[in-house]
Protein backbone atom coordinates (compact mmCIF):
# COMPACT_ATOMS: atom_id res chain seq x y z
CA MET A 1 13.66 -14.46 -7.78
CA ILE A 2 15.87 -14.19 -4.92
CA LEU A 3 15.91 -15.16 -1.51
CA TYR A 4 17.96 -13.95 0.87
CA GLY A 5 18.42 -15.91 4.33
CA LEU A 6 20.79 -18.69 6.00
CA PRO A 7 20.94 -22.56 4.95
CA THR A 8 20.21 -23.06 8.65
CA CYS A 9 16.75 -21.35 9.01
CA PRO A 10 13.97 -22.96 9.08
CA ASP A 11 11.74 -20.23 7.69
CA CYS A 12 14.00 -20.06 4.92
CA ASN A 13 14.21 -23.57 3.91
CA LYS A 14 10.55 -23.73 4.21
CA ALA A 15 9.91 -21.07 1.80
CA ARG A 16 12.39 -21.76 -0.78
CA LYS A 17 10.44 -25.71 -0.78
CA ALA A 18 7.36 -23.95 -1.49
CA LEU A 19 8.88 -21.40 -3.80
CA ALA A 20 10.25 -24.40 -5.95
CA GLU A 21 7.20 -26.21 -5.61
CA ALA A 22 4.95 -23.64 -7.13
CA GLY A 23 7.24 -23.02 -9.89
CA HIS A 24 9.25 -20.38 -8.71
CA ASP A 25 12.68 -20.15 -10.22
CA VAL A 26 14.52 -19.31 -6.78
CA ILE A 27 18.20 -18.09 -5.99
CA PHE A 28 19.17 -18.24 -2.70
CA ARG A 29 21.75 -15.98 -1.41
CA ASP A 30 23.59 -17.36 2.33
CA VAL A 31 24.41 -13.73 3.34
CA ARG A 32 26.98 -15.04 5.68
CA ALA A 33 29.00 -17.13 3.16
CA ASP A 34 28.69 -14.53 0.71
CA PRO A 35 28.85 -11.03 2.40
CA MET A 36 26.41 -8.63 0.95
CA SER A 37 27.87 -5.07 0.11
CA GLU A 38 27.10 -1.42 1.02
CA ALA A 39 24.85 -1.42 -1.93
CA GLU A 40 23.14 -4.69 -1.70
CA TRP A 41 21.91 -4.05 1.62
CA SER A 42 20.99 0.07 0.99
CA PRO A 43 17.87 -1.27 -1.18
CA LEU A 44 17.10 -3.88 1.69
CA ILE A 45 16.95 -1.44 4.32
CA ALA A 46 15.39 1.17 2.83
CA GLU A 47 12.43 -0.99 1.80
CA PHE A 48 12.35 -2.45 5.61
CA GLY A 49 14.72 -0.09 8.05
CA ASP A 50 15.38 -1.20 11.67
CA ASN A 51 12.95 -4.32 10.64
CA LEU A 52 15.50 -5.82 8.97
CA VAL A 53 17.37 -6.49 12.12
CA ASP A 54 16.23 -9.77 14.18
CA ARG A 55 16.82 -8.06 17.59
CA LYS A 56 15.14 -11.78 19.61
CA THR A 57 18.36 -13.52 18.80
CA GLN A 58 21.18 -14.94 20.89
CA THR A 59 23.53 -12.70 18.33
CA PHE A 60 22.25 -9.53 18.50
CA ARG A 61 22.00 -10.18 22.50
CA ASN A 62 25.55 -10.71 21.92
CA LEU A 63 26.87 -7.89 20.27
CA ASN A 64 28.72 -5.22 22.05
CA ALA A 65 27.03 -2.14 23.55
CA TRP A 66 28.41 0.12 21.01
CA LEU A 67 27.42 -2.31 18.06
CA ARG A 68 23.95 -2.83 19.52
CA GLU A 69 22.99 0.71 19.74
CA SER A 70 24.29 1.52 16.19
CA GLU A 71 22.77 1.58 12.51
CA VAL A 72 20.80 -0.95 11.28
CA GLU A 73 24.07 -0.85 8.06
CA SER A 74 27.02 -1.31 10.97
CA GLN A 75 25.01 -4.16 12.71
CA LEU A 76 24.27 -6.09 9.44
CA GLU A 77 27.84 -5.54 8.47
CA ALA A 78 29.22 -6.82 11.30
CA GLN A 79 26.82 -9.82 12.19
CA PRO A 80 24.90 -10.42 8.53
CA ALA A 81 23.23 -13.27 10.29
CA LEU A 82 21.10 -10.56 12.49
CA MET A 83 19.25 -9.66 9.32
CA ALA A 84 15.52 -11.23 9.79
CA ARG A 85 14.72 -13.70 7.24
CA PRO A 86 13.74 -14.92 4.64
CA VAL A 87 13.92 -11.74 2.26
CA ILE A 88 12.66 -12.46 -0.86
CA SER A 89 12.44 -9.89 -4.19
CA ASP A 90 11.37 -10.47 -7.56
CA GLY A 91 12.94 -7.15 -8.54
CA THR A 92 10.04 -5.00 -8.06
CA ARG A 93 8.64 -6.65 -4.65
CA TRP A 94 10.10 -7.31 -1.42
CA THR A 95 8.73 -9.55 1.77
CA LEU A 96 9.90 -9.75 5.03
CA GLY A 97 8.97 -13.12 6.83
CA TRP A 98 7.64 -16.39 6.12
CA ASP A 99 3.95 -15.92 7.60
CA GLU A 100 0.64 -16.23 5.96
CA ALA A 101 1.03 -12.72 4.32
CA GLU A 102 4.46 -13.58 2.71
CA GLN A 103 2.93 -16.86 1.46
CA ASN A 104 -0.15 -15.11 0.04
CA VAL A 105 2.26 -12.93 -2.42
CA TRP A 106 4.54 -15.70 -3.64
CA LEU A 107 2.19 -18.43 -3.77
């Protein structure tokens, strides 16, 4: 199981802890420290589309106008921290976020 996120993200940390306590072997991928390639972003973008970018963040608001209006791929390549978090995958299923619905999938 892979959890994509940031080490400073509270939802990522809650998910990591809960998944570990539930007995899952979780590999954490820090998308800022270990940038993802275009090939790695592709399945996430195919699964979540525009929802993969968190437009409520200061990071998004600080983007220049051109980048703010660009494709999701360009935004995430320029600023990986724009990714809505956490993204969790077991290789066959994907979830985005750590609300009750996502918890019910994994716990």
